[in-house]
């Protein structure tokens, strides 16, 4: 099975389904059209996944809130990202990126009749969780630093007998591409056991037959299934972005 990151720019066609291990990313308008377009793109993508009406409506409400917040308090370039993950649970991850790294969202208790929605503080009540991470853009070239406000929605598990299989060499190459597109240099090599290793600035990532593995602290290692390519890439980009540059 091939892994790929699908990027659709503003005005391009909307994919009806996510590629396994892939992501969709769009550049949003920098005006009031942005939240409306984010709702439409997410609706079409979720509908293509066969998700239920209630989950789709929850997603539209949440993306409208965070896209509006990015419009009012963020900075260019706004982007919408969507991918699926299996860890910590089968979920659809939806993020709105903007370039205002220091303007972090502040949860507040919104009113049901508030013109700008229920408020970020209530997004967690109709999603599986939300947060904000410092990261880099996916669509803008060259990649720019900023933040991504995200939320997660539950999606069905893969049915028995239809588990997705990924070749580790393919996963290693796709992960390297996802990271270098975000502005980090890297190379792919192998260790003495023939396991693919991504050599990145201050960080190595091992690509085993079933999972990615990398160090996330002095005594802590993270593992993620190969199918969680985009989630792994996002973890690593955030980690690399926080590593001081040696001079």
Protein backbone atom coordinates (compact mmCIF):
# COMPACT_ATOMS: atom_id res chain seq x y z
CA UNK A 1 0.00 0.00 0.00
CA UNK A 2 1.32 3.44 -0.88
CA UNK A 3 1.45 6.24 1.64
CA UNK A 4 1.23 9.83 0.53
CA UNK A 5 0.41 13.27 1.80
CA UNK A 6 -2.19 14.89 -0.40
CA UNK A 7 -2.04 18.66 -0.48
CA UNK A 8 -4.90 20.63 -2.02
CA UNK A 9 -4.41 24.37 -2.36
CA UNK A 10 -7.08 27.05 -2.18
CA UNK A 11 -9.53 26.66 -5.04
CA UNK A 12 -8.47 23.10 -5.83
CA UNK A 13 -10.76 20.06 -5.80
CA UNK A 14 -11.74 18.59 -2.45
CA UNK A 15 -10.80 14.93 -1.96
CA UNK A 16 -13.69 12.68 -1.00
CA UNK A 17 -11.56 10.30 1.05
CA UNK A 18 -8.27 10.34 2.88
CA UNK A 19 -5.44 8.17 1.60
CA UNK A 20 -4.45 5.69 4.35
CA UNK A 21 -1.53 7.26 6.17
CA UNK A 22 -2.03 10.50 4.27
CA UNK A 23 -3.37 13.96 5.01
CA UNK A 24 -5.26 16.73 3.31
CA UNK A 25 -4.05 20.32 3.66
CA UNK A 26 -5.57 23.47 2.23
CA UNK A 27 -4.62 27.15 2.23
CA UNK A 28 -7.57 29.16 3.57
CA UNK A 29 -8.51 32.75 2.63
CA UNK A 30 -7.25 35.42 4.99
CA UNK A 31 -10.72 36.97 5.40
CA UNK A 32 -14.23 36.04 6.48
CA UNK A 33 -14.44 33.40 3.73
CA UNK A 34 -11.96 31.24 5.64
CA UNK A 35 -14.29 29.72 8.28
CA UNK A 36 -17.01 29.03 5.70
CA UNK A 37 -14.56 27.28 3.39
CA UNK A 38 -13.13 25.28 6.30
CA UNK A 39 -16.63 24.05 7.16
CA UNK A 40 -17.35 23.07 3.57
CA UNK A 41 -14.04 21.27 3.03
CA UNK A 42 -14.31 19.36 6.29
CA UNK A 43 -17.94 18.45 5.61
CA UNK A 44 -17.08 17.02 2.20
CA UNK A 45 -14.04 15.14 3.53
CA UNK A 46 -15.94 13.63 6.48
CA UNK A 47 -18.88 12.74 4.28
CA UNK A 48 -16.46 10.94 1.96
CA UNK A 49 -15.31 8.88 4.94
CA UNK A 50 -18.88 7.77 5.59
CA UNK A 51 -19.06 9.34 9.05
CA UNK A 52 -22.41 9.91 10.72
CA UNK A 53 -24.34 13.14 10.50
CA UNK A 54 -23.91 13.99 14.18
CA UNK A 55 -20.10 13.59 14.00
CA UNK A 56 -19.99 15.72 10.83
CA UNK A 57 -22.02 18.49 12.47
CA UNK A 58 -19.77 18.41 15.54
CA UNK A 59 -16.75 18.72 13.26
CA UNK A 60 -18.22 21.65 11.33
CA UNK A 61 -19.06 23.48 14.55
CA UNK A 62 -15.58 22.93 15.99
CA UNK A 63 -13.69 23.89 12.82
CA UNK A 64 -15.83 27.01 12.47
CA UNK A 65 -14.84 28.06 15.97
CA UNK A 66 -11.09 27.54 15.58
CA UNK A 67 -11.00 28.99 12.03
CA UNK A 68 -12.84 32.09 13.26
CA UNK A 69 -10.42 32.38 16.16
CA UNK A 70 -7.47 32.14 13.73
CA UNK A 71 -9.03 34.86 11.56
CA UNK A 72 -9.53 37.23 14.50
CA UNK A 73 -6.38 36.56 16.53
CA UNK A 74 -3.97 34.66 14.28
CA UNK A 75 -1.76 35.58 11.38
CA UNK A 76 -1.08 34.45 7.81
CA UNK A 77 -0.96 31.97 6.27
CA UNK A 78 -4.09 30.14 7.54
CA UNK A 79 -4.27 26.43 6.63
CA UNK A 80 -6.67 23.56 7.29
CA UNK A 81 -5.23 20.07 7.91
CA UNK A 82 -7.04 16.74 8.22
CA UNK A 83 -5.67 13.25 8.87
CA UNK A 84 -6.59 10.06 10.73
CA UNK A 85 -4.72 8.36 13.59
CA UNK A 86 -5.06 5.11 15.51
CA UNK A 87 -3.21 6.12 18.72
CA UNK A 88 -4.47 6.93 21.34
CA UNK A 89 -7.71 5.88 19.60
CA UNK A 90 -9.16 5.81 16.07
CA UNK A 91 -9.72 9.53 15.51
CA UNK A 92 -9.88 12.17 12.80
CA UNK A 93 -7.52 15.04 13.63
CA UNK A 94 -8.54 18.46 12.31
CA UNK A 95 -6.16 21.43 12.67
CA UNK A 96 -6.23 25.10 11.71
CA UNK A 97 -2.73 26.54 11.36
CA UNK A 98 -1.77 30.21 11.43
CA UNK A 99 1.50 32.12 11.60
CA UNK A 100 0.90 33.95 14.90
CA UNK A 101 3.01 31.75 17.15
CA UNK A 102 2.75 33.96 20.23
CA UNK A 103 -1.02 34.49 20.04
CA UNK A 104 -2.12 31.33 21.83
CA UNK A 105 -5.85 30.60 22.20
CA UNK A 106 -7.47 31.33 25.54
CA UNK A 107 -10.44 29.11 26.43
CA UNK A 108 -13.51 31.03 27.55
CA UNK A 109 -17.08 30.23 28.47
CA UNK A 110 -19.06 31.16 25.39
CA UNK A 111 -22.79 31.70 25.22
CA UNK A 112 -25.03 29.65 22.94
CA UNK A 113 -26.14 32.89 21.26
CA UNK A 114 -22.64 34.28 20.89
CA UNK A 115 -22.07 35.47 17.30
CA UNK A 116 -18.69 33.73 17.27
CA UNK A 117 -19.86 30.32 18.53
CA UNK A 118 -19.67 28.62 21.88
CA UNK A 119 -16.06 29.49 22.56
CA UNK A 120 -12.92 27.37 22.53
CA UNK A 121 -13.60 26.31 26.10
CA UNK A 122 -16.62 24.31 24.92
CA UNK A 123 -15.05 22.69 21.86
CA UNK A 124 -13.88 19.83 24.05
CA UNK A 125 -17.48 19.06 25.03
CA UNK A 126 -18.47 17.95 21.52
CA UNK A 127 -15.12 16.55 20.35
CA UNK A 128 -12.76 13.87 21.71
CA UNK A 129 -10.32 16.60 22.78
CA UNK A 130 -8.53 19.66 21.49
CA UNK A 131 -5.26 21.53 21.95
CA UNK A 132 -2.71 23.93 20.50
CA UNK A 133 0.82 23.11 19.34
CA UNK A 134 3.73 25.17 18.05
CA UNK A 135 4.60 23.77 14.62
CA UNK A 136 5.28 24.65 10.99
CA UNK A 137 3.02 25.10 7.98
CA UNK A 138 2.30 22.31 5.49
CA UNK A 139 1.15 24.22 2.38
CA UNK A 140 3.17 27.46 2.43
CA UNK A 141 6.50 27.36 0.59
CA UNK A 142 8.90 27.76 2.23
CA UNK A 143 7.40 26.45 5.45
CA UNK A 144 6.77 29.07 8.13
CA UNK A 145 6.63 28.81 11.91
CA UNK A 146 3.33 29.20 13.69
CA UNK A 147 0.79 27.25 15.70
CA UNK A 148 -1.95 24.72 15.01
CA UNK A 149 -5.15 24.57 17.03
CA UNK A 150 -6.59 21.07 16.65
CA UNK A 151 -9.43 18.83 17.73
CA UNK A 152 -10.11 15.12 17.38
CA UNK A 153 -13.29 13.26 16.44
CA UNK A 154 -13.98 9.53 16.90
CA UNK A 155 -13.99 7.37 13.77
CA UNK A 156 -14.77 3.63 13.35
CA UNK A 157 -12.04 1.06 13.83
CA UNK A 158 -10.76 -0.93 10.85
CA UNK A 159 -12.90 -4.06 10.47
CA UNK A 160 -11.22 -7.41 11.33
CA UNK A 161 -9.46 -8.91 8.32
CA UNK A 162 -8.90 -5.50 6.75
CA UNK A 163 -5.89 -4.33 8.75
CA UNK A 164 -3.74 -1.92 6.80
CA UNK A 165 -0.22 -3.12 6.04
CA UNK A 166 2.62 -0.72 5.31
CA UNK A 167 6.11 -1.61 4.09
CA UNK A 168 8.67 -0.05 6.46
CA UNK A 169 10.89 1.21 3.63
CA UNK A 170 7.93 3.04 2.11
CA UNK A 171 6.95 4.44 5.50
CA UNK A 172 10.52 5.66 6.10
CA UNK A 173 10.70 7.46 2.76
CA UNK A 174 7.28 9.07 3.18
CA UNK A 175 8.07 10.22 6.72
CA UNK A 176 11.35 11.75 5.55
CA UNK A 177 9.50 13.62 2.80
CA UNK A 178 6.89 14.92 5.25
CA UNK A 179 9.63 16.28 7.51
CA UNK A 180 11.91 17.80 4.84
CA UNK A 181 8.93 19.58 3.29
CA UNK A 182 8.58 21.41 6.58
CA UNK A 183 12.09 22.83 6.30
CA UNK A 184 14.22 20.32 8.22
CA UNK A 185 17.19 18.56 6.58
CA UNK A 186 17.47 14.81 6.93
CA UNK A 187 18.68 11.59 5.38
CA UNK A 188 17.70 7.95 5.40
CA UNK A 189 20.19 5.23 6.30
CA UNK A 190 20.21 1.78 7.97
CA UNK A 191 21.55 0.43 11.23
CA UNK A 192 23.56 -2.78 11.68
CA UNK A 193 20.33 -4.81 11.72
CA UNK A 194 19.10 -3.35 8.43
CA UNK A 195 16.43 -1.21 10.08
CA UNK A 196 15.80 2.11 8.33
CA UNK A 197 16.91 5.13 10.33
CA UNK A 198 16.05 8.75 9.62
CA UNK A 199 18.93 10.98 10.68
CA UNK A 200 17.51 14.41 11.53
CA UNK A 201 18.97 17.48 13.30
CA UNK A 202 19.59 16.23 16.84
CA UNK A 203 17.21 13.28 16.47
CA UNK A 204 17.13 9.77 15.00
CA UNK A 205 13.94 7.90 14.07
CA UNK A 206 13.98 4.10 13.68
CA UNK A 207 11.47 2.56 11.29
CA UNK A 208 10.71 -1.00 12.40
CA UNK A 209 8.41 -3.42 10.52
CA UNK A 210 5.41 -2.37 12.64
CA UNK A 211 6.19 1.04 14.12
CA UNK A 212 8.24 4.23 14.23
CA UNK A 213 10.42 4.76 17.32
CA UNK A 214 12.26 7.87 18.53
CA UNK A 215 13.50 9.48 21.73
CA UNK A 216 11.20 12.07 23.26
CA UNK A 217 13.13 12.86 26.41
CA UNK A 218 16.15 11.71 28.42
CA UNK A 219 14.55 8.36 29.36
CA UNK A 220 11.47 8.27 27.16
CA UNK A 221 10.90 6.70 23.77
CA UNK A 222 7.74 6.99 21.68
CA UNK A 223 6.33 4.37 19.34
CA UNK A 224 3.66 4.93 16.72
CA UNK A 225 2.21 2.50 14.15
CA UNK A 226 3.45 3.01 10.61
CA UNK A 227 -0.08 3.85 9.47
CA UNK A 228 0.03 6.85 11.84
CA UNK A 229 2.50 8.53 9.50
CA UNK A 230 1.03 12.03 9.72
CA UNK A 231 0.65 11.97 13.49
CA UNK A 232 4.27 10.82 13.76
CA UNK A 233 5.44 13.54 11.38
CA UNK A 234 3.64 16.20 13.40
CA UNK A 235 5.17 14.97 16.69
CA UNK A 236 8.66 15.03 15.17
CA UNK A 237 8.26 18.45 13.51
CA UNK A 238 7.23 19.95 16.85
CA UNK A 239 10.18 18.27 18.56
CA UNK A 240 12.68 19.43 15.92
CA UNK A 241 11.26 22.94 16.05
CA UNK A 242 12.09 23.07 19.77
CA UNK A 243 15.69 21.83 19.42
CA UNK A 244 18.15 24.76 19.61
CA UNK A 245 20.17 25.33 16.44
CA UNK A 246 23.87 24.70 16.93
CA UNK A 247 26.16 27.50 15.76
